[in-house]
Amino acid sequence: MAFVITSPCINEKSGECVEVCPVDCIEEGKDMFYIDPDICIDCGACEAVCPVEAIYMEDDVPEEESKFITTNREFFENR
Protein backbone atom coordinates (compact mmCIF):
# COMPACT_ATOMS: atom_id res chain seq x y z
CA MET A 1 0.00 0.00 0.00
CA ALA A 2 1.22 3.48 -0.80
CA PHE A 3 0.35 7.06 -0.12
CA VAL A 4 -1.62 8.94 -2.78
CA ILE A 5 -1.63 12.64 -3.66
CA THR A 6 -5.11 14.00 -4.40
CA SER A 7 -6.79 17.08 -5.89
CA PRO A 8 -5.85 19.70 -3.26
CA CYS A 9 -2.31 19.47 -4.70
CA ILE A 10 -3.42 20.59 -8.17
CA ASN A 11 -1.66 23.87 -8.93
CA GLU A 12 -0.28 23.99 -5.35
CA LYS A 13 3.09 22.27 -5.76
CA SER A 14 4.66 23.51 -2.53
CA GLY A 15 7.18 20.67 -2.55
CA GLU A 16 7.61 19.97 1.16
CA CYS A 17 6.64 16.35 0.47
CA VAL A 18 9.53 15.91 -1.96
CA GLU A 19 12.01 17.33 0.53
CA VAL A 20 11.10 14.87 3.31
CA CYS A 21 10.64 11.67 1.28
CA PRO A 22 13.44 9.28 2.28
CA VAL A 23 13.13 7.15 -0.88
CA ASP A 24 12.56 9.87 -3.50
CA CYS A 25 9.25 8.41 -4.68
CA ILE A 26 7.55 11.78 -5.27
CA GLU A 27 7.91 13.52 -8.60
CA GLU A 28 6.61 16.77 -9.99
CA GLY A 29 4.18 16.61 -12.86
CA LYS A 30 2.68 19.36 -14.98
CA ASP A 31 0.17 20.56 -12.38
CA MET A 32 0.81 18.53 -9.20
CA PHE A 33 3.10 16.02 -7.49
CA TYR A 34 2.71 12.25 -7.76
CA ILE A 35 3.80 9.34 -5.56
CA ASP A 36 5.23 6.22 -7.18
CA PRO A 37 3.34 3.37 -5.46
CA ASP A 38 6.08 0.87 -6.32
CA ILE A 39 8.73 2.87 -4.44
CA CYS A 40 6.71 4.37 -1.56
CA ILE A 41 7.59 2.74 1.79
CA ASP A 42 4.50 4.05 3.61
CA CYS A 43 6.53 6.08 6.10
CA GLY A 44 4.03 8.97 6.27
CA ALA A 45 6.64 11.73 6.19
CA CYS A 46 4.99 13.37 3.19
CA GLU A 47 1.51 13.29 4.70
CA ALA A 48 2.72 15.05 7.84
CA VAL A 49 4.16 18.05 5.97
CA CYS A 50 1.58 18.55 3.20
CA PRO A 51 0.28 22.12 3.63
CA VAL A 52 -2.99 21.40 1.79
CA GLU A 53 -3.69 17.94 3.28
CA ALA A 54 -3.71 16.29 -0.15
CA ILE A 55 -1.91 13.07 0.84
CA TYR A 56 -3.67 9.93 2.08
CA MET A 57 -2.90 6.27 2.59
CA GLU A 58 -4.41 4.44 -0.37
CA ASP A 59 -7.10 2.80 1.78
CA ASP A 60 -8.03 6.17 3.32
CA VAL A 61 -8.46 8.18 0.11
CA PRO A 62 -11.94 9.76 0.20
CA GLU A 63 -14.29 8.18 -2.32
CA GLU A 64 -14.62 11.41 -4.30
CA GLU A 65 -10.80 11.45 -4.69
CA SER A 66 -10.41 7.75 -5.58
CA LYS A 67 -9.51 8.44 -9.20
CA PHE A 68 -6.19 9.81 -7.93
CA ILE A 69 -5.11 6.30 -6.92
CA THR A 70 -5.06 5.46 -10.62
CA THR A 71 -3.75 8.89 -11.62
CA ASN A 72 -0.67 8.51 -9.42
CA ARG A 73 0.08 5.00 -10.71
CA GLU A 74 -0.46 5.97 -14.36
CA PHE A 75 1.87 8.97 -14.06
CA PHE A 76 4.77 6.56 -13.50
CA GLU A 77 3.60 3.92 -15.98
CA ASN A 78 3.27 6.42 -18.83
CA ARG A 79 6.51 8.34 -18.63
PDB file of N, CA and C in Angstrom:
ATOM      1  N   MET A   1       0.838  -1.174   0.000  1.00  0.00           N
ATOM      2  CA  MET A   1       0.000   0.000   0.000  1.00  0.00           C
ATOM      3  C   MET A   1       0.885   1.240   0.000  1.00  0.00           C
ATOM      4  N   ALA A   2       0.436   2.258  -0.682  1.00  0.00           N
ATOM      5  CA  ALA A   2       1.222   3.484  -0.804  1.00  0.00           C
ATOM      6  C   ALA A   2       0.381   4.689  -0.425  1.00  0.00           C
ATOM      7  N   PHE A   3       1.046   5.790  -0.288  1.00  0.00           N
ATOM      8  CA  PHE A   3       0.346   7.059  -0.118  1.00  0.00           C
ATOM      9  C   PHE A   3      -0.043   7.573  -1.492  1.00  0.00           C
ATOM     10  N   VAL A   4      -1.074   8.409  -1.534  1.00  0.00           N
ATOM     11  CA  VAL A   4      -1.618   8.940  -2.784  1.00  0.00           C
ATOM     12  C   VAL A   4      -1.800  10.437  -2.632  1.00  0.00           C
ATOM     13  N   ILE A   5      -1.414  11.188  -3.645  1.00  0.00           N
ATOM     14  CA  ILE A   5      -1.632  12.636  -3.657  1.00  0.00           C
ATOM     15  C   ILE A   5      -2.915  12.908  -4.421  1.00  0.00           C
ATOM     16  N   THR A   6      -3.778  13.747  -3.844  1.00  0.00           N
ATOM     17  CA  THR A   6      -5.111  13.999  -4.398  1.00  0.00           C
ATOM     18  C   THR A   6      -5.278  15.454  -4.844  1.00  0.00           C
ATOM     19  N   SER A   7      -6.490  15.808  -5.225  1.00  0.00           N
ATOM     20  CA  SER A   7      -6.787  17.081  -5.890  1.00  0.00           C
ATOM     21  C   SER A   7      -6.355  18.360  -5.169  1.00  0.00           C
ATOM     22  N   PRO A   8      -6.302  18.437  -3.847  1.00  0.00           N
ATOM     23  CA  PRO A   8      -5.849  19.700  -3.258  1.00  0.00           C
ATOM     24  C   PRO A   8      -4.441  20.106  -3.699  1.00  0.00           C
ATOM     25  N   CYS A   9      -3.669  19.166  -4.227  1.00  0.00           N
ATOM     26  CA  CYS A   9      -2.312  19.474  -4.698  1.00  0.00           C
ATOM     27  C   CYS A   9      -2.310  20.148  -6.076  1.00  0.00           C
ATOM     28  N   ILE A  10      -3.391  20.020  -6.813  1.00  0.00           N
ATOM     29  CA  ILE A  10      -3.422  20.588  -8.167  1.00  0.00           C
ATOM     30  C   ILE A  10      -3.136  22.080  -8.099  1.00  0.00           C
ATOM     31  N   ASN A  11      -2.140  22.492  -8.846  1.00  0.00           N
ATOM     32  CA  ASN A  11      -1.662  23.868  -8.927  1.00  0.00           C
ATOM     33  C   ASN A  11      -1.103  24.406  -7.618  1.00  0.00           C
ATOM     34  N   GLU A  12      -0.882  23.571  -6.625  1.00  0.00           N
ATOM     35  CA  GLU A  12      -0.283  23.987  -5.351  1.00  0.00           C
ATOM     36  C   GLU A  12       1.232  23.842  -5.429  1.00  0.00           C
ATOM     37  N   LYS A  13       1.683  22.611  -5.562  1.00  0.00           N
ATOM     38  CA  LYS A  13       3.087  22.272  -5.762  1.00  0.00           C
ATOM     39  C   LYS A  13       4.055  22.979  -4.811  1.00  0.00           C
ATOM     40  N   SER A  14       3.765  22.921  -3.521  1.00  0.00           N
ATOM     41  CA  SER A  14       4.660  23.513  -2.529  1.00  0.00           C
ATOM     42  C   SER A  14       5.989  22.769  -2.440  1.00  0.00           C
ATOM     43  N   GLY A  15       5.961  21.447  -2.486  1.00  0.00           N
ATOM     44  CA  GLY A  15       7.179  20.666  -2.548  1.00  0.00           C
ATOM     45  C   GLY A  15       7.743  20.165  -1.228  1.00  0.00           C
ATOM     46  N   GLU A  16       7.108  20.467  -0.115  1.00  0.00           N
ATOM     47  CA  GLU A  16       7.607  19.968   1.162  1.00  0.00           C
ATOM     48  C   GLU A  16       7.667  18.446   1.175  1.00  0.00           C
ATOM     49  N   CYS A  17       6.699  17.819   0.515  1.00  0.00           N
ATOM     50  CA  CYS A  17       6.642  16.353   0.474  1.00  0.00           C
ATOM     51  C   CYS A  17       7.888  15.772  -0.182  1.00  0.00           C
ATOM     52  N   VAL A  18       8.347  16.393  -1.246  1.00  0.00           N
ATOM     53  CA  VAL A  18       9.532  15.909  -1.961  1.00  0.00           C
ATOM     54  C   VAL A  18      10.753  16.005  -1.063  1.00  0.00           C
ATOM     55  N   GLU A  19      10.849  17.092  -0.329  1.00  0.00           N
ATOM     56  CA  GLU A  19      12.013  17.330   0.527  1.00  0.00           C
ATOM     57  C   GLU A  19      12.150  16.305   1.642  1.00  0.00           C
ATOM     58  N   VAL A  20      11.034  15.786   2.170  1.00  0.00           N
ATOM     59  CA  VAL A  20      11.102  14.871   3.308  1.00  0.00           C
ATOM     60  C   VAL A  20      11.053  13.394   2.931  1.00  0.00           C
ATOM     61  N   CYS A  21      10.765  13.076   1.693  1.00  0.00           N
ATOM     62  CA  CYS A  21      10.638  11.670   1.284  1.00  0.00           C
ATOM     63  C   CYS A  21      12.000  10.980   1.324  1.00  0.00           C
ATOM     64  N   PRO A  22      12.143   9.935   2.157  1.00  0.00           N
ATOM     65  CA  PRO A  22      13.444   9.279   2.281  1.00  0.00           C
ATOM     66  C   PRO A  22      13.813   8.373   1.102  1.00  0.00           C
ATOM     67  N   VAL A  23      12.846   8.053   0.240  1.00  0.00           N
ATOM     68  CA  VAL A  23      13.129   7.152  -0.882  1.00  0.00           C
ATOM     69  C   VAL A  23      12.925   7.821  -2.249  1.00  0.00           C
ATOM     70  N   ASP A  24      12.717   9.116  -2.255  1.00  0.00           N
ATOM     71  CA  ASP A  24      12.557   9.874  -3.500  1.00  0.00           C
ATOM     72  C   ASP A  24      11.488   9.290  -4.422  1.00  0.00           C
ATOM     73  N   CYS A  25      10.323   8.988  -3.863  1.00  0.00           N
ATOM     74  CA  CYS A  25       9.252   8.406  -4.678  1.00  0.00           C
ATOM     75  C   CYS A  25       8.247   9.445  -5.170  1.00  0.00           C
ATOM     76  N   ILE A  26       8.482  10.725  -4.864  1.00  0.00           N
ATOM     77  CA  ILE A  26       7.550  11.783  -5.266  1.00  0.00           C
ATOM     78  C   ILE A  26       8.179  12.597  -6.383  1.00  0.00           C
ATOM     79  N   GLU A  27       7.423  12.743  -7.462  1.00  0.00           N
ATOM     80  CA  GLU A  27       7.911  13.517  -8.603  1.00  0.00           C
ATOM     81  C   GLU A  27       6.908  14.589  -8.991  1.00  0.00           C
ATOM     82  N   GLU A  28       7.434  15.649  -9.549  1.00  0.00           N
ATOM     83  CA  GLU A  28       6.608  16.767  -9.989  1.00  0.00           C
ATOM     84  C   GLU A  28       6.092  16.514 -11.392  1.00  0.00           C
ATOM     85  N   GLY A  29       4.791  16.679 -11.547  1.00  0.00           N
ATOM     86  CA  GLY A  29       4.176  16.607 -12.862  1.00  0.00           C
ATOM     87  C   GLY A  29       3.822  17.998 -13.345  1.00  0.00           C
ATOM     88  N   LYS A  30       3.037  18.077 -14.391  1.00  0.00           N
ATOM     89  CA  LYS A  30       2.679  19.365 -14.977  1.00  0.00           C
ATOM     90  C   LYS A  30       1.944  20.267 -13.993  1.00  0.00           C
ATOM     91  N   ASP A  31       0.974  19.714 -13.254  1.00  0.00           N
ATOM     92  CA  ASP A  31       0.174  20.564 -12.382  1.00  0.00           C
ATOM     93  C   ASP A  31       0.098  20.110 -10.935  1.00  0.00           C
ATOM     94  N   MET A  32       0.797  19.013 -10.585  1.00  0.00           N
ATOM     95  CA  MET A  32       0.808  18.533  -9.204  1.00  0.00           C
ATOM     96  C   MET A  32       1.949  17.540  -9.016  1.00  0.00           C
ATOM     97  N   PHE A  33       2.121  17.063  -7.776  1.00  0.00           N
ATOM     98  CA  PHE A  33       3.102  16.021  -7.491  1.00  0.00           C
ATOM     99  C   PHE A  33       2.417  14.662  -7.509  1.00  0.00           C
ATOM    100  N   TYR A  34       3.215  13.613  -7.702  1.00  0.00           N
ATOM    101  CA  TYR A  34       2.714  12.247  -7.757  1.00  0.00           C
ATOM    102  C   TYR A  34       3.635  11.343  -6.946  1.00  0.00           C
ATOM    103  N   ILE A  35       3.043  10.312  -6.332  1.00  0.00           N
ATOM    104  CA  ILE A  35       3.802   9.337  -5.556  1.00  0.00           C
ATOM    105  C   ILE A  35       3.850   8.019  -6.323  1.00  0.00           C
ATOM    106  N   ASP A  36       5.061   7.502  -6.516  1.00  0.00           N
ATOM    107  CA  ASP A  36       5.230   6.216  -7.185  1.00  0.00           C
ATOM    108  C   ASP A  36       4.872   5.107  -6.189  1.00  0.00           C
ATOM    109  N   PRO A  37       3.782   4.387  -6.423  1.00  0.00           N
ATOM    110  CA  PRO A  37       3.343   3.370  -5.463  1.00  0.00           C
ATOM    111  C   PRO A  37       4.292   2.181  -5.359  1.00  0.00           C
ATOM    112  N   ASP A  38       5.142   1.993  -6.351  1.00  0.00           N
ATOM    113  CA  ASP A  38       6.078   0.872  -6.319  1.00  0.00           C
ATOM    114  C   ASP A  38       7.331   1.186  -5.505  1.00  0.00           C
ATOM    115  N   ILE A  39       7.549   2.467  -5.207  1.00  0.00           N
ATOM    116  CA  ILE A  39       8.730   2.871  -4.441  1.00  0.00           C
ATOM    117  C   ILE A  39       8.356   3.313  -3.025  1.00  0.00           C
ATOM    118  N   CYS A  40       7.169   3.859  -2.855  1.00  0.00           N
ATOM    119  CA  CYS A  40       6.712   4.369  -1.561  1.00  0.00           C
ATOM    120  C   CYS A  40       6.847   3.295  -0.482  1.00  0.00           C
ATOM    121  N   ILE A  41       7.411   3.680   0.680  1.00  0.00           N
ATOM    122  CA  ILE A  41       7.593   2.739   1.790  1.00  0.00           C
ATOM    123  C   ILE A  41       6.584   3.000   2.915  1.00  0.00           C
ATOM    124  N   ASP A  42       5.581   3.797   2.654  1.00  0.00           N
ATOM    125  CA  ASP A  42       4.503   4.052   3.611  1.00  0.00           C
ATOM    126  C   ASP A  42       4.983   4.659   4.928  1.00  0.00           C
ATOM    127  N   CYS A  43       5.982   5.513   4.869  1.00  0.00           N
ATOM    128  CA  CYS A  43       6.529   6.076   6.104  1.00  0.00           C
ATOM    129  C   CYS A  43       5.670   7.208   6.671  1.00  0.00           C
ATOM    130  N   GLY A  44       4.910   7.899   5.812  1.00  0.00           N
ATOM    131  CA  GLY A  44       4.034   8.969   6.265  1.00  0.00           C
ATOM    132  C   GLY A  44       4.685  10.324   6.386  1.00  0.00           C
ATOM    133  N   ALA A  45       5.954  10.438   6.072  1.00  0.00           N
ATOM    134  CA  ALA A  45       6.640  11.730   6.191  1.00  0.00           C
ATOM    135  C   ALA A  45       5.991  12.794   5.313  1.00  0.00           C
ATOM    136  N   CYS A  46       5.592  12.417   4.119  1.00  0.00           N
ATOM    137  CA  CYS A  46       4.986  13.373   3.188  1.00  0.00           C
ATOM    138  C   CYS A  46       3.628  13.858   3.684  1.00  0.00           C
ATOM    139  N   GLU A  47       2.842  12.947   4.212  1.00  0.00           N
ATOM    140  CA  GLU A  47       1.511  13.293   4.702  1.00  0.00           C
ATOM    141  C   GLU A  47       1.597  14.326   5.821  1.00  0.00           C
ATOM    142  N   ALA A  48       2.576  14.170   6.681  1.00  0.00           N
ATOM    143  CA  ALA A  48       2.722  15.048   7.838  1.00  0.00           C
ATOM    144  C   ALA A  48       3.064  16.490   7.463  1.00  0.00           C
ATOM    145  N   VAL A  49       3.729  16.698   6.331  1.00  0.00           N
ATOM    146  CA  VAL A  49       4.158  18.054   5.971  1.00  0.00           C
ATOM    147  C   VAL A  49       3.332  18.710   4.869  1.00  0.00           C
ATOM    148  N   CYS A  50       2.375  18.001   4.310  1.00  0.00           N
ATOM    149  CA  CYS A  50       1.584  18.552   3.203  1.00  0.00           C
ATOM    150  C   CYS A  50       0.750  19.740   3.691  1.00  0.00           C
ATOM    151  N   PRO A  51       0.991  20.934   3.154  1.00  0.00           N
ATOM    152  CA  PRO A  51       0.281  22.124   3.630  1.00  0.00           C
ATOM    153  C   PRO A  51      -1.193  22.191   3.220  1.00  0.00           C
ATOM    154  N   VAL A  52      -1.591  21.365   2.243  1.00  0.00           N
ATOM    155  CA  VAL A  52      -2.986  21.396   1.786  1.00  0.00           C
ATOM    156  C   VAL A  52      -3.721  20.092   2.085  1.00  0.00           C
ATOM    157  N   GLU A  53      -3.095  19.212   2.869  1.00  0.00           N
ATOM    158  CA  GLU A  53      -3.691  17.942   3.280  1.00  0.00           C
ATOM    159  C   GLU A  53      -4.209  17.138   2.083  1.00  0.00           C
ATOM    160  N   ALA A  54      -3.344  16.992   1.085  1.00  0.00           N
ATOM    161  CA  ALA A  54      -3.705  16.288  -0.149  1.00  0.00           C
ATOM    162  C   ALA A  54      -3.254  14.840  -0.163  1.00  0.00           C
ATOM    163  N   ILE A  55      -2.529  14.389   0.860  1.00  0.00           N
ATOM    164  CA  ILE A  55      -1.910  13.065   0.839  1.00  0.00           C
ATOM    165  C   ILE A  55      -2.618  12.132   1.814  1.00  0.00           C
ATOM    166  N   TYR A  56      -2.964  10.945   1.297  1.00  0.00           N
ATOM    167  CA  TYR A  56      -3.670   9.929   2.078  1.00  0.00           C
ATOM    168  C   TYR A  56      -3.043   8.569   1.843  1.00  0.00           C
ATOM    169  N   MET A  57      -3.182   7.679   2.832  1.00  0.00           N
ATOM    170  CA  MET A  57      -2.895   6.266   2.592  1.00  0.00           C
ATOM    171  C   MET A  57      -3.921   5.793   1.568  1.00  0.00           C
ATOM    172  N   GLU A  58      -3.528   4.893   0.703  1.00  0.00           N
ATOM    173  CA  GLU A  58      -4.409   4.440  -0.373  1.00  0.00           C
ATOM    174  C   GLU A  58      -5.777   4.001   0.145  1.00  0.00           C
ATOM    175  N   ASP A  59      -5.826   3.274   1.235  1.00  0.00           N
ATOM    176  CA  ASP A  59      -7.100   2.799   1.785  1.00  0.00           C
ATOM    177  C   ASP A  59      -7.943   3.914   2.400  1.00  0.00           C
ATOM    178  N   ASP A  60      -7.333   5.060   2.675  1.00  0.00           N
ATOM    179  CA  ASP A  60      -8.035   6.172   3.322  1.00  0.00           C
ATOM    180  C   ASP A  60      -8.412   7.306   2.369  1.00  0.00           C
ATOM    181  N   VAL A  61      -8.118   7.136   1.082  1.00  0.00           N
ATOM    182  CA  VAL A  61      -8.462   8.176   0.106  1.00  0.00           C
ATOM    183  C   VAL A  61      -9.986   8.331   0.081  1.00  0.00           C
ATOM    184  N   PRO A  62     -10.485   9.563   0.258  1.00  0.00           N
ATOM    185  CA  PRO A  62     -11.938   9.763   0.195  1.00  0.00           C
ATOM    186  C   PRO A  62     -12.491   9.280  -1.144  1.00  0.00           C
ATOM    187  N   GLU A  63     -13.688   8.754  -1.114  1.00  0.00           N
ATOM    188  CA  GLU A  63     -14.287   8.179  -2.318  1.00  0.00           C
ATOM    189  C   GLU A  63     -14.284   9.158  -3.491  1.00  0.00           C
ATOM    190  N   GLU A  64     -14.567  10.427  -3.217  1.00  0.00           N
ATOM    191  CA  GLU A  64     -14.616  11.413  -4.297  1.00  0.00           C
ATOM    192  C   GLU A  64     -13.233  11.714  -4.879  1.00  0.00           C
ATOM    193  N   GLU A  65     -12.175  11.248  -4.213  1.00  0.00           N
ATOM    194  CA  GLU A  65     -10.805  11.450  -4.686  1.00  0.00           C
ATOM    195  C   GLU A  65     -10.189  10.147  -5.203  1.00  0.00           C
ATOM    196  N   SER A  66     -10.957   9.072  -5.263  1.00  0.00           N
ATOM    197  CA  SER A  66     -10.414   7.752  -5.576  1.00  0.00           C
ATOM    198  C   SER A  66      -9.751   7.656  -6.944  1.00  0.00           C
ATOM    199  N   LYS A  67     -10.140   8.494  -7.881  1.00  0.00           N
ATOM    200  CA  LYS A  67      -9.506   8.443  -9.202  1.00  0.00           C
ATOM    201  C   LYS A  67      -8.013   8.761  -9.129  1.00  0.00           C
ATOM    202  N   PHE A  68      -7.593   9.446  -8.064  1.00  0.00           N
ATOM    203  CA  PHE A  68      -6.186   9.806  -7.934  1.00  0.00           C
ATOM    204  C   PHE A  68      -5.301   8.615  -7.592  1.00  0.00           C
ATOM    205  N   ILE A  69      -5.888   7.529  -7.114  1.00  0.00           N
ATOM    206  CA  ILE A  69      -5.115   6.299  -6.918  1.00  0.00           C
ATOM    207  C   ILE A  69      -4.578   5.852  -8.269  1.00  0.00           C
ATOM    208  N   THR A  70      -5.449   5.831  -9.261  1.00  0.00           N
ATOM    209  CA  THR A  70      -5.060   5.461 -10.622  1.00  0.00           C
ATOM    210  C   THR A  70      -4.183   6.529 -11.253  1.00  0.00           C
ATOM    211  N   THR A  71      -4.511   7.784 -11.034  1.00  0.00           N
ATOM    212  CA  THR A  71      -3.753   8.893 -11.619  1.00  0.00           C
ATOM    213  C   THR A  71      -2.293   8.844 -11.189  1.00  0.00           C
ATOM    214  N   ASN A  72      -2.046   8.595  -9.902  1.00  0.00           N
ATOM    215  CA  ASN A  72      -0.666   8.512  -9.417  1.00  0.00           C
ATOM    216  C   ASN A  72       0.070   7.348 -10.060  1.00  0.00           C
ATOM    217  N   ARG A  73      -0.560   6.189 -10.116  1.00  0.00           N
ATOM    218  CA  ARG A  73       0.075   5.003 -10.706  1.00  0.00           C
ATOM    219  C   ARG A  73       0.359   5.234 -12.197  1.00  0.00           C
ATOM    220  N   GLU A  74      -0.619   5.756 -12.917  1.00  0.00           N
ATOM    221  CA  GLU A  74      -0.455   5.967 -14.360  1.00  0.00           C
ATOM    222  C   GLU A  74       0.621   6.990 -14.685  1.00  0.00           C
ATOM    223  N   PHE A  75       0.821   7.967 -13.825  1.00  0.00           N
ATOM    224  CA  PHE A  75       1.867   8.965 -14.063  1.00  0.00           C
ATOM    225  C   PHE A  75       3.219   8.261 -14.243  1.00  0.00           C
ATOM    226  N   PHE A  76       3.489   7.253 -13.429  1.00  0.00           N
ATOM    227  CA  PHE A  76       4.773   6.557 -13.500  1.00  0.00           C
ATOM    228  C   PHE A  76       4.791   5.480 -14.577  1.00  0.00           C
ATOM    229  N   GLU A  77       3.663   4.925 -14.915  1.00  0.00           N
ATOM    230  CA  GLU A  77       3.599   3.916 -15.979  1.00  0.00           C
ATOM    231  C   GLU A  77       3.744   4.535 -17.358  1.00  0.00           C
ATOM    232  N   ASN A  78       3.330   5.776 -17.513  1.00  0.00           N
ATOM    233  CA  ASN A  78       3.272   6.419 -18.827  1.00  0.00           C
ATOM    234  C   ASN A  78       4.376   7.430 -19.099  1.00  0.00           C
ATOM    235  N   ARG A  79       5.455   7.377 -18.357  1.00  0.00           N
ATOM    236  CA  ARG A  79       6.512   8.344 -18.629  1.00  0.00           C
ATOM    237  C   ARG A  79       7.529   7.809 -19.577  1.00  0.00           C
TER     238      ARG A  79
END
